[in-house]
Amino acid sequence: MINNAGITRDNIMLRMQEDEWDDVINVHLNGQYLLIKSFIKKMVKNRWGRIINISSTSAVLGNKGQANYAAAKAGIEAMSRSLARELGSRNINVNCVSPGLLKLI
């Protein structure tokens, strides 16, 4: 299973509306939680599974106007680490990929 849904609602914190915060957290973090939750029982029953969560370098580096995005991505990384420990003994691998922007010449 690959979790890769995402949106942005960029705004500096001073001007960020609650719905901008909630939209990003709901799609990125809650969306991944809900998808994992819908597959996990079958994976545990089969004692096999692969979960790949997509994060971003923004989780660690942050970007101006993207506190909501960075918080969601950091949550994804923490959730991935916890699930890897929780599910590894059941032969379910959980990985997190954190791509960043590249400047192409």
PDB file of N, CA and C in Angstrom:
ATOM      1  N   MET A   1       0.834  -1.148   0.000  1.00  0.00           N
ATOM      2  CA  MET A   1       0.000   0.000   0.000  1.00  0.00           C
ATOM      3  C   MET A   1       0.896   1.234   0.000  1.00  0.00           C
ATOM      4  N   ILE A   2       0.605   2.180  -0.864  1.00  0.00           N
ATOM      5  CA  ILE A   2       1.367   3.433  -0.922  1.00  0.00           C
ATOM      6  C   ILE A   2       0.427   4.585  -0.611  1.00  0.00           C
ATOM      7  N   ASN A   3       0.765   5.344   0.423  1.00  0.00           N
ATOM      8  CA  ASN A   3       0.009   6.533   0.829  1.00  0.00           C
ATOM      9  C   ASN A   3       0.658   7.766   0.230  1.00  0.00           C
ATOM     10  N   ASN A   4      -0.007   8.405  -0.722  1.00  0.00           N
ATOM     11  CA  ASN A   4       0.608   9.550  -1.387  1.00  0.00           C
ATOM     12  C   ASN A   4      -0.359  10.707  -1.635  1.00  0.00           C
ATOM     13  N   ALA A   5      -1.506  10.732  -1.002  1.00  0.00           N
ATOM     14  CA  ALA A   5      -2.449  11.841  -1.199  1.00  0.00           C
ATOM     15  C   ALA A   5      -1.903  13.098  -0.530  1.00  0.00           C
ATOM     16  N   GLY A   6      -2.151  14.243  -1.131  1.00  0.00           N
ATOM     17  CA  GLY A   6      -1.673  15.472  -0.520  1.00  0.00           C
ATOM     18  C   GLY A   6      -2.258  16.721  -1.140  1.00  0.00           C
ATOM     19  N   ILE A   7      -2.293  17.773  -0.338  1.00  0.00           N
ATOM     20  CA  ILE A   7      -2.720  19.099  -0.778  1.00  0.00           C
ATOM     21  C   ILE A   7      -1.858  20.130  -0.070  1.00  0.00           C
ATOM     22  N   THR A   8      -1.926  21.353  -0.508  1.00  0.00           N
ATOM     23  CA  THR A   8      -1.318  22.458   0.236  1.00  0.00           C
ATOM     24  C   THR A   8      -2.359  23.550   0.421  1.00  0.00           C
ATOM     25  N   ARG A   9      -2.264  24.212   1.536  1.00  0.00           N
ATOM     26  CA  ARG A   9      -3.046  25.403   1.852  1.00  0.00           C
ATOM     27  C   ARG A   9      -2.081  26.361   2.542  1.00  0.00           C
ATOM     28  N   ASP A  10      -1.120  26.845   1.755  1.00  0.00           N
ATOM     29  CA  ASP A  10      -0.038  27.649   2.313  1.00  0.00           C
ATOM     30  C   ASP A  10      -0.533  29.012   2.798  1.00  0.00           C
ATOM     31  N   ASN A  11      -0.018  29.388   3.955  1.00  0.00           N
ATOM     32  CA  ASN A  11      -0.298  30.697   4.534  1.00  0.00           C
ATOM     33  C   ASN A  11       0.598  30.846   5.759  1.00  0.00           C
ATOM     34  N   ILE A  12       1.048  32.050   6.014  1.00  0.00           N
ATOM     35  CA  ILE A  12       1.817  32.249   7.241  1.00  0.00           C
ATOM     36  C   ILE A  12       0.886  32.046   8.429  1.00  0.00           C
ATOM     37  N   MET A  13       1.427  31.608   9.538  1.00  0.00           N
ATOM     38  CA  MET A  13       0.618  31.254  10.703  1.00  0.00           C
ATOM     39  C   MET A  13      -0.263  32.414  11.159  1.00  0.00           C
ATOM     40  N   LEU A  14       0.251  33.620  11.056  1.00  0.00           N
ATOM     41  CA  LEU A  14      -0.506  34.797  11.481  1.00  0.00           C
ATOM     42  C   LEU A  14      -1.826  34.920  10.725  1.00  0.00           C
ATOM     43  N   ARG A  15      -1.845  34.481   9.478  1.00  0.00           N
ATOM     44  CA  ARG A  15      -3.043  34.607   8.634  1.00  0.00           C
ATOM     45  C   ARG A  15      -3.754  33.278   8.377  1.00  0.00           C
ATOM     46  N   MET A  16      -3.169  32.191   8.831  1.00  0.00           N
ATOM     47  CA  MET A  16      -3.745  30.881   8.526  1.00  0.00           C
ATOM     48  C   MET A  16      -5.100  30.714   9.206  1.00  0.00           C
ATOM     49  N   GLN A  17      -6.058  30.284   8.408  1.00  0.00           N
ATOM     50  CA  GLN A  17      -7.388  29.995   8.926  1.00  0.00           C
ATOM     51  C   GLN A  17      -7.427  28.551   9.441  1.00  0.00           C
ATOM     52  N   GLU A  18      -8.308  28.303  10.377  1.00  0.00           N
ATOM     53  CA  GLU A  18      -8.405  26.964  10.951  1.00  0.00           C
ATOM     54  C   GLU A  18      -8.724  25.914   9.884  1.00  0.00           C
ATOM     55  N   ASP A  19      -9.551  26.276   8.899  1.00  0.00           N
ATOM     56  CA  ASP A  19      -9.877  25.306   7.851  1.00  0.00           C
ATOM     57  C   ASP A  19      -8.669  24.996   6.975  1.00  0.00           C
ATOM     58  N   GLU A  20      -7.742  25.945   6.801  1.00  0.00           N
ATOM     59  CA  GLU A  20      -6.511  25.680   6.046  1.00  0.00           C
ATOM     60  C   GLU A  20      -5.647  24.669   6.796  1.00  0.00           C
ATOM     61  N   TRP A  21      -5.559  24.845   8.103  1.00  0.00           N
ATOM     62  CA  TRP A  21      -4.823  23.895   8.943  1.00  0.00           C
ATOM     63  C   TRP A  21      -5.491  22.517   8.871  1.00  0.00           C
ATOM     64  N   ASP A  22      -6.791  22.483   9.140  1.00  0.00           N
ATOM     65  CA  ASP A  22      -7.518  21.218   9.185  1.00  0.00           C
ATOM     66  C   ASP A  22      -7.492  20.471   7.855  1.00  0.00           C
ATOM     67  N   ASP A  23      -7.651  21.185   6.745  1.00  0.00           N
ATOM     68  CA  ASP A  23      -7.651  20.534   5.430  1.00  0.00           C
ATOM     69  C   ASP A  23      -6.361  19.758   5.190  1.00  0.00           C
ATOM     70  N   VAL A  24      -5.229  20.383   5.497  1.00  0.00           N
ATOM     71  CA  VAL A  24      -3.930  19.748   5.249  1.00  0.00           C
ATOM     72  C   VAL A  24      -3.713  18.566   6.195  1.00  0.00           C
ATOM     73  N   ILE A  25      -4.015  18.747   7.470  1.00  0.00           N
ATOM     74  CA  ILE A  25      -3.873  17.651   8.437  1.00  0.00           C
ATOM     75  C   ILE A  25      -4.802  16.496   8.063  1.00  0.00           C
ATOM     76  N   ASN A  26      -6.026  16.817   7.670  1.00  0.00           N
ATOM     77  CA  ASN A  26      -6.994  15.764   7.327  1.00  0.00           C
ATOM     78  C   ASN A  26      -6.569  14.955   6.115  1.00  0.00           C
ATOM     79  N   VAL A  27      -6.105  15.607   5.062  1.00  0.00           N
ATOM     80  CA  VAL A  27      -5.714  14.871   3.856  1.00  0.00           C
ATOM     81  C   VAL A  27      -4.423  14.094   4.086  1.00  0.00           C
ATOM     82  N   HIS A  28      -3.402  14.753   4.617  1.00  0.00           N
ATOM     83  CA  HIS A  28      -2.092  14.113   4.756  1.00  0.00           C
ATOM     84  C   HIS A  28      -2.069  13.085   5.891  1.00  0.00           C
ATOM     85  N   LEU A  29      -2.264  13.532   7.098  1.00  0.00           N
ATOM     86  CA  LEU A  29      -2.071  12.665   8.265  1.00  0.00           C
ATOM     87  C   LEU A  29      -3.277  11.759   8.510  1.00  0.00           C
ATOM     88  N   ASN A  30      -4.453  12.340   8.604  1.00  0.00           N
ATOM     89  CA  ASN A  30      -5.642  11.524   8.854  1.00  0.00           C
ATOM     90  C   ASN A  30      -5.943  10.604   7.678  1.00  0.00           C
ATOM     91  N   GLY A  31      -5.683  11.065   6.467  1.00  0.00           N
ATOM     92  CA  GLY A  31      -5.894  10.224   5.289  1.00  0.00           C
ATOM     93  C   GLY A  31      -5.024   8.981   5.320  1.00  0.00           C
ATOM     94  N   GLN A  32      -3.760   9.156   5.691  1.00  0.00           N
ATOM     95  CA  GLN A  32      -2.876   7.987   5.771  1.00  0.00           C
ATOM     96  C   GLN A  32      -3.315   7.048   6.889  1.00  0.00           C
ATOM     97  N   TYR A  33      -3.695   7.625   8.020  1.00  0.00           N
ATOM     98  CA  TYR A  33      -4.200   6.802   9.129  1.00  0.00           C
ATOM     99  C   TYR A  33      -5.396   5.957   8.676  1.00  0.00           C
ATOM    100  N   LEU A  34      -6.361   6.597   8.020  1.00  0.00           N
ATOM    101  CA  LEU A  34      -7.578   5.890   7.613  1.00  0.00           C
ATOM    102  C   LEU A  34      -7.298   4.796   6.584  1.00  0.00           C
ATOM    103  N   LEU A  35      -6.388   5.058   5.649  1.00  0.00           N
ATOM    104  CA  LEU A  35      -6.060   4.037   4.654  1.00  0.00           C
ATOM    105  C   LEU A  35      -5.353   2.848   5.307  1.00  0.00           C
ATOM    106  N   ILE A  36      -4.394   3.140   6.182  1.00  0.00           N
ATOM    107  CA  ILE A  36      -3.702   2.059   6.899  1.00  0.00           C
ATOM    108  C   ILE A  36      -4.709   1.254   7.713  1.00  0.00           C
ATOM    109  N   LYS A  37      -5.571   1.947   8.424  1.00  0.00           N
ATOM    110  CA  LYS A  37      -6.574   1.288   9.264  1.00  0.00           C
ATOM    111  C   LYS A  37      -7.453   0.341   8.445  1.00  0.00           C
ATOM    112  N   SER A  38      -7.759   0.730   7.203  1.00  0.00           N
ATOM    113  CA  SER A  38      -8.633  -0.104   6.373  1.00  0.00           C
ATOM    114  C   SER A  38      -7.934  -1.366   5.850  1.00  0.00           C
ATOM    115  N   PHE A  39      -6.608  -1.381   5.826  1.00  0.00           N
ATOM    116  CA  PHE A  39      -5.858  -2.533   5.308  1.00  0.00           C
ATOM    117  C   PHE A  39      -5.224  -3.392   6.400  1.00  0.00           C
ATOM    118  N   ILE A  40      -5.024  -2.843   7.579  1.00  0.00           N
ATOM    119  CA  ILE A  40      -4.140  -3.462   8.565  1.00  0.00           C
ATOM    120  C   ILE A  40      -4.653  -4.810   9.080  1.00  0.00           C
ATOM    121  N   LYS A  41      -5.952  -4.959   9.266  1.00  0.00           N
ATOM    122  CA  LYS A  41      -6.468  -6.241   9.776  1.00  0.00           C
ATOM    123  C   LYS A  41      -6.147  -7.385   8.823  1.00  0.00           C
ATOM    124  N   LYS A  42      -6.313  -7.143   7.536  1.00  0.00           N
ATOM    125  CA  LYS A  42      -6.013  -8.187   6.551  1.00  0.00           C
ATOM    126  C   LYS A  42      -4.514  -8.486   6.523  1.00  0.00           C
ATOM    127  N   MET A  43      -3.686  -7.455   6.632  1.00  0.00           N
ATOM    128  CA  MET A  43      -2.236  -7.661   6.656  1.00  0.00           C
ATOM    129  C   MET A  43      -1.832  -8.488   7.873  1.00  0.00           C
ATOM    130  N   VAL A  44      -2.383  -8.153   9.036  1.00  0.00           N
ATOM    131  CA  VAL A  44      -2.062  -8.897  10.260  1.00  0.00           C
ATOM    132  C   VAL A  44      -2.535 -10.347  10.122  1.00  0.00           C
ATOM    133  N   LYS A  45      -3.729 -10.539   9.594  1.00  0.00           N
ATOM    134  CA  LYS A  45      -4.252 -11.900   9.402  1.00  0.00           C
ATOM    135  C   LYS A  45      -3.353 -12.708   8.469  1.00  0.00           C
ATOM    136  N   ASN A  46      -2.876 -12.079   7.402  1.00  0.00           N
ATOM    137  CA  ASN A  46      -2.000 -12.757   6.438  1.00  0.00           C
ATOM    138  C   ASN A  46      -0.546 -12.829   6.897  1.00  0.00           C
ATOM    139  N   ARG A  47      -0.242 -12.122   7.982  1.00  0.00           N
ATOM    140  CA  ARG A  47       1.129 -12.017   8.485  1.00  0.00           C
ATOM    141  C   ARG A  47       2.091 -11.572   7.384  1.00  0.00           C
ATOM    142  N   TRP A  48       1.638 -10.613   6.587  1.00  0.00           N
ATOM    143  CA  TRP A  48       2.463 -10.053   5.521  1.00  0.00           C
ATOM    144  C   TRP A  48       1.850  -8.742   5.058  1.00  0.00           C
ATOM    145  N   GLY A  49       2.710  -7.783   4.783  1.00  0.00           N
ATOM    146  CA  GLY A  49       2.224  -6.524   4.231  1.00  0.00           C
ATOM    147  C   GLY A  49       3.358  -5.543   4.021  1.00  0.00           C
ATOM    148  N   ARG A  50       3.095  -4.588   3.164  1.00  0.00           N
ATOM    149  CA  ARG A  50       4.056  -3.523   2.873  1.00  0.00           C
ATOM    150  C   ARG A  50       3.301  -2.203   2.871  1.00  0.00           C
ATOM    151  N   ILE A  51       3.756  -1.285   3.698  1.00  0.00           N
ATOM    152  CA  ILE A  51       3.152   0.044   3.773  1.00  0.00           C
ATOM    153  C   ILE A  51       4.243   1.058   3.472  1.00  0.00           C
ATOM    154  N   ILE A  52       3.996   1.909   2.502  1.00  0.00           N
ATOM    155  CA  ILE A  52       4.932   2.982   2.158  1.00  0.00           C
ATOM    156  C   ILE A  52       4.196   4.302   2.316  1.00  0.00           C
ATOM    157  N   ASN A  53       4.652   5.100   3.251  1.00  0.00           N
ATOM    158  CA  ASN A  53       4.068   6.411   3.500  1.00  0.00           C
ATOM    159  C   ASN A  53       4.957   7.484   2.884  1.00  0.00           C
ATOM    160  N   ILE A  54       4.346   8.436   2.206  1.00  0.00           N
ATOM    161  CA  ILE A  54       5.098   9.516   1.581  1.00  0.00           C
ATOM    162  C   ILE A  54       5.066  10.732   2.494  1.00  0.00           C
ATOM    163  N   SER A  55       6.241  11.221   2.838  1.00  0.00           N
ATOM    164  CA  SER A  55       6.387  12.418   3.657  1.00  0.00           C
ATOM    165  C   SER A  55       7.051  13.487   2.800  1.00  0.00           C
ATOM    166  N   SER A  56       7.909  14.277   3.389  1.00  0.00           N
ATOM    167  CA  SER A  56       8.604  15.348   2.678  1.00  0.00           C
ATOM    168  C   SER A  56       9.763  15.823   3.542  1.00  0.00           C
ATOM    169  N   THR A  57      10.774  16.362   2.896  1.00  0.00           N
ATOM    170  CA  THR A  57      11.863  16.969   3.665  1.00  0.00           C
ATOM    171  C   THR A  57      11.352  18.152   4.481  1.00  0.00           C
ATOM    172  N   SER A  58      10.188  18.667   4.138  1.00  0.00           N
ATOM    173  CA  SER A  58       9.586  19.764   4.909  1.00  0.00           C
ATOM    174  C   SER A  58       9.287  19.361   6.347  1.00  0.00           C
ATOM    175  N   ALA A  59       9.146  18.065   6.599  1.00  0.00           N
ATOM    176  CA  ALA A  59       8.893  17.598   7.961  1.00  0.00           C
ATOM    177  C   ALA A  59      10.025  17.989   8.898  1.00  0.00           C
ATOM    178  N   VAL A  60      11.237  18.014   8.374  1.00  0.00           N
ATOM    179  CA  VAL A  60      12.414  18.347   9.178  1.00  0.00           C
ATOM    180  C   VAL A  60      12.862  19.781   8.932  1.00  0.00           C
ATOM    181  N   LEU A  61      12.840  20.198   7.681  1.00  0.00           N
ATOM    182  CA  LEU A  61      13.375  21.511   7.314  1.00  0.00           C
ATOM    183  C   LEU A  61      12.375  22.643   7.473  1.00  0.00           C
ATOM    184  N   GLY A  62      11.100  22.365   7.257  1.00  0.00           N
ATOM    185  CA  GLY A  62      10.073  23.403   7.304  1.00  0.00           C
ATOM    186  C   GLY A  62      10.208  24.383   6.151  1.00  0.00           C
ATOM    187  N   ASN A  63       9.131  25.059   5.850  1.00  0.00           N
ATOM    188  CA  ASN A  63       9.110  26.112   4.837  1.00  0.00           C
ATOM    189  C   ASN A  63       8.214  27.234   5.324  1.00  0.00           C
ATOM    190  N   LYS A  64       8.574  28.444   5.007  1.00  0.00           N
ATOM    191  CA  LYS A  64       7.748  29.591   5.374  1.00  0.00           C
ATOM    192  C   LYS A  64       6.350  29.411   4.787  1.00  0.00           C
ATOM    193  N   GLY A  65       5.345  29.608   5.603  1.00  0.00           N
ATOM    194  CA  GLY A  65       3.972  29.505   5.149  1.00  0.00           C
ATOM    195  C   GLY A  65       3.443  28.090   5.054  1.00  0.00           C
ATOM    196  N   GLN A  66       4.204  27.132   5.575  1.00  0.00           N
ATOM    197  CA  GLN A  66       3.771  25.735   5.481  1.00  0.00           C
ATOM    198  C   GLN A  66       3.832  25.011   6.829  1.00  0.00           C
ATOM    199  N   ALA A  67       3.468  25.697   7.893  1.00  0.00           N
ATOM    200  CA  ALA A  67       3.475  25.050   9.209  1.00  0.00           C
ATOM    201  C   ALA A  67       2.515  23.863   9.238  1.00  0.00           C
ATOM    202  N   ASN A  68       1.370  24.007   8.594  1.00  0.00           N
ATOM    203  CA  ASN A  68       0.398  22.914   8.547  1.00  0.00           C
ATOM    204  C   ASN A  68       0.957  21.709   7.783  1.00  0.00           C
ATOM    205  N   TYR A  69       1.583  21.964   6.658  1.00  0.00           N
ATOM    206  CA  TYR A  69       2.160  20.911   5.823  1.00  0.00           C
ATOM    207  C   TYR A  69       3.311  20.211   6.559  1.00  0.00           C
ATOM    208  N   ALA A  70       4.201  20.999   7.161  1.00  0.00           N
ATOM    209  CA  ALA A  70       5.340  20.430   7.891  1.00  0.00           C
ATOM    210  C   ALA A  70       4.871  19.595   9.080  1.00  0.00           C
ATOM    211  N   ALA A  71       3.860  20.084   9.793  1.00  0.00           N
ATOM    212  CA  ALA A  71       3.330  19.340  10.939  1.00  0.00           C
ATOM    213  C   ALA A  71       2.719  18.012  10.497  1.00  0.00           C
ATOM    214  N   ALA A  72       1.977  18.038   9.398  1.00  0.00           N
ATOM    215  CA  ALA A  72       1.365  16.807   8.884  1.00  0.00           C
ATOM    216  C   ALA A  72       2.434  15.804   8.470  1.00  0.00           C
ATOM    217  N   LYS A  73       3.460  16.278   7.771  1.00  0.00           N
ATOM    218  CA  LYS A  73       4.516  15.382   7.296  1.00  0.00           C
ATOM    219  C   LYS A  73       5.345  14.837   8.456  1.00  0.00           C
ATOM    220  N   ALA A  74       5.592  15.654   9.472  1.00  0.00           N
ATOM    221  CA  ALA A  74       6.308  15.168  10.657  1.00  0.00           C
ATOM    222  C   ALA A  74       5.480  14.098  11.369  1.00  0.00           C
ATOM    223  N   GLY A  75       4.176  14.290  11.422  1.00  0.00           N
ATOM    224  CA  GLY A  75       3.289  13.289  12.007  1.00  0.00           C
ATOM    225  C   GLY A  75       3.329  11.973  11.252  1.00  0.00           C
ATOM    226  N   ILE A  76       3.404  12.063   9.927  1.00  0.00           N
ATOM    227  CA  ILE A  76       3.498  10.861   9.089  1.00  0.00           C
ATOM    228  C   ILE A  76       4.783  10.104   9.395  1.00  0.00           C
ATOM    229  N   GLU A  77       5.883  10.822   9.551  1.00  0.00           N
ATOM    230  CA  GLU A  77       7.160  10.166   9.855  1.00  0.00           C
ATOM    231  C   GLU A  77       7.118   9.489  11.216  1.00  0.00           C
ATOM    232  N   ALA A  78       6.552  10.159  12.217  1.00  0.00           N
ATOM    233  CA  ALA A  78       6.452   9.572  13.552  1.00  0.00           C
ATOM    234  C   ALA A  78       5.523   8.357  13.547  1.00  0.00           C
ATOM    235  N   MET A  79       4.399   8.471  12.845  1.00  0.00           N
ATOM    236  CA  MET A  79       3.469   7.347  12.745  1.00  0.00           C
ATOM    237  C   MET A  79       4.141   6.153  12.065  1.00  0.00           C
ATOM    238  N   SER A  80       4.921   6.421  11.025  1.00  0.00           N
ATOM    239  CA  SER A  80       5.609   5.350  10.301  1.00  0.00           C
ATOM    240  C   SER A  80       6.596   4.622  11.202  1.00  0.00           C
ATOM    241  N   ARG A  81       7.365   5.377  11.993  1.00  0.00           N
ATOM    242  CA  ARG A  81       8.321   4.743  12.919  1.00  0.00           C
ATOM    243  C   ARG A  81       7.592   3.871  13.945  1.00  0.00           C
ATOM    244  N   SER A  82       6.508   4.395  14.501  1.00  0.00           N
ATOM    245  CA  SER A  82       5.750   3.635  15.499  1.00  0.00           C
ATOM    246  C   SER A  82       5.150   2.370  14.905  1.00  0.00           C
ATOM    247  N   LEU A  83       4.562   2.497  13.717  1.00  0.00           N
ATOM    248  CA  LEU A  83       3.952   1.330  13.079  1.00  0.00           C
ATOM    249  C   LEU A  83       4.992   0.289  12.679  1.00  0.00           C
ATOM    250  N   ALA A  84       6.172   0.725  12.278  1.00  0.00           N
ATOM    251  CA  ALA A  84       7.232  -0.225  11.937  1.00  0.00           C
ATOM    252  C   ALA A  84       7.571  -1.089  13.147  1.00  0.00           C
ATOM    253  N   ARG A  85       7.628  -0.475  14.315  1.00  0.00           N
ATOM    254  CA  ARG A  85       7.919  -1.231  15.540  1.00  0.00           C
ATOM    255  C   ARG A  85       6.735  -2.122  15.931  1.00  0.00           C
ATOM    256  N   GLU A  86       5.549  -1.606  15.742  1.00  0.00           N
ATOM    257  CA  GLU A  86       4.337  -2.329  16.119  1.00  0.00           C
ATOM    258  C   GLU A  86       4.068  -3.541  15.224  1.00  0.00           C
ATOM    259  N   LEU A  87       4.360  -3.417  13.940  1.00  0.00           N
ATOM    260  CA  LEU A  87       3.953  -4.433  12.972  1.00  0.00           C
ATOM    261  C   LEU A  87       5.093  -5.296  12.434  1.00  0.00           C
ATOM    262  N   GLY A  88       6.324  -4.919  12.707  1.00  0.00           N
ATOM    263  CA  GLY A  88       7.467  -5.647  12.163  1.00  0.00           C
ATOM    264  C   GLY A  88       7.490  -7.115  12.534  1.00  0.00           C
ATOM    265  N   SER A  89       7.099  -7.440  13.747  1.00  0.00           N
ATOM    266  CA  SER A  89       7.107  -8.841  14.186  1.00  0.00           C
ATOM    267  C   SER A  89       6.061  -9.680  13.448  1.00  0.00           C
ATOM    268  N   ARG A  90       5.155  -9.020  12.754  1.00  0.00           N
ATOM    269  CA  ARG A  90       4.115  -9.723  11.978  1.00  0.00           C
ATOM    270  C   ARG A  90       4.440  -9.733  10.481  1.00  0.00           C
ATOM    271  N   ASN A  91       5.705  -9.464  10.167  1.00  0.00           N
ATOM    272  CA  ASN A  91       6.175  -9.472   8.781  1.00  0.00           C
ATOM    273  C   ASN A  91       5.501  -8.392   7.927  1.00  0.00           C
ATOM    274  N   ILE A  92       5.185  -7.274   8.568  1.00  0.00           N
ATOM    275  CA  ILE A  92       4.623  -6.126   7.861  1.00  0.00           C
ATOM    276  C   ILE A  92       5.662  -5.014   7.924  1.00  0.00           C
ATOM    277  N   ASN A  93       6.180  -4.642   6.765  1.00  0.00           N
ATOM    278  CA  ASN A  93       7.176  -3.574   6.686  1.00  0.00           C
ATOM    279  C   ASN A  93       6.485  -2.234   6.519  1.00  0.00           C
ATOM    280  N   VAL A  94       6.956  -1.247   7.275  1.00  0.00           N
ATOM    281  CA  VAL A  94       6.444   0.116   7.149  1.00  0.00           C
ATOM    282  C   VAL A  94       7.633   1.017   6.867  1.00  0.00           C
ATOM    283  N   ASN A  95       7.576   1.712   5.749  1.00  0.00           N
ATOM    284  CA  ASN A  95       8.643   2.631   5.358  1.00  0.00           C
ATOM    285  C   ASN A  95       8.061   3.995   5.058  1.00  0.00           C
ATOM    286  N   CYS A  96       8.913   4.991   5.164  1.00  0.00           N
ATOM    287  CA  CYS A  96       8.514   6.361   4.874  1.00  0.00           C
ATOM    288  C   CYS A  96       9.545   6.962   3.922  1.00  0.00           C
ATOM    289  N   VAL A  97       9.071   7.510   2.830  1.00  0.00           N
ATOM    290  CA  VAL A  97       9.926   8.158   1.838  1.00  0.00           C
ATOM    291  C   VAL A  97       9.701   9.656   1.953  1.00  0.00           C
ATOM    292  N   SER A  98      10.800  10.410   2.015  1.00  0.00           N
ATOM    293  CA  SER A  98      10.709  11.860   2.197  1.00  0.00           C
ATOM    294  C   SER A  98      11.410  12.607   1.069  1.00  0.00           C
ATOM    295  N   PRO A  99      10.760  12.732  -0.075  1.00  0.00           N
ATOM    296  CA  PRO A  99      11.392  13.464  -1.180  1.00  0.00           C
ATOM    297  C   PRO A  99      11.384  14.966  -0.929  1.00  0.00           C
ATOM    298  N   GLY A 100      12.282  15.642  -1.586  1.00  0.00           N
ATOM    299  CA  GLY A 100      12.342  17.102  -1.523  1.00  0.00           C
ATOM    300  C   GLY A 100      12.450  17.662  -2.928  1.00  0.00           C
ATOM    301  N   LEU A 101      12.401  18.961  -3.027  1.00  0.00           N
ATOM    302  CA  LEU A 101      12.537  19.609  -4.330  1.00  0.00           C
ATOM    303  C   LEU A 101      13.980  19.553  -4.799  1.00  0.00           C
ATOM    304  N   LEU A 102      14.154  19.363  -6.070  1.00  0.00           N
ATOM    305  CA  LEU A 102      15.483  19.350  -6.673  1.00  0.00           C
ATOM    306  C   LEU A 102      15.577  20.475  -7.687  1.00  0.00           C
ATOM    307  N   LYS A 103      16.714  21.127  -7.713  1.00  0.00           N
ATOM    308  CA  LYS A 103      16.959  22.138  -8.732  1.00  0.00           C
ATOM    309  C   LYS A 103      17.649  21.449  -9.901  1.00  0.00           C
ATOM    310  N   LEU A 104      16.966  21.406 -11.018  1.00  0.00           N
ATOM    311  CA  LEU A 104      17.530  20.778 -12.207  1.00  0.00           C
ATOM    312  C   LEU A 104      18.217  21.836 -13.052  1.00  0.00           C
ATOM    313  N   ILE A 105      19.404  21.515 -13.494  1.00  0.00           N
ATOM    314  CA  ILE A 105      20.181  22.476 -14.292  1.00  0.00           C
ATOM    315  C   ILE A 105      20.017  22.175 -15.759  1.00  0.00           C
TER     316      ILE A 105
END
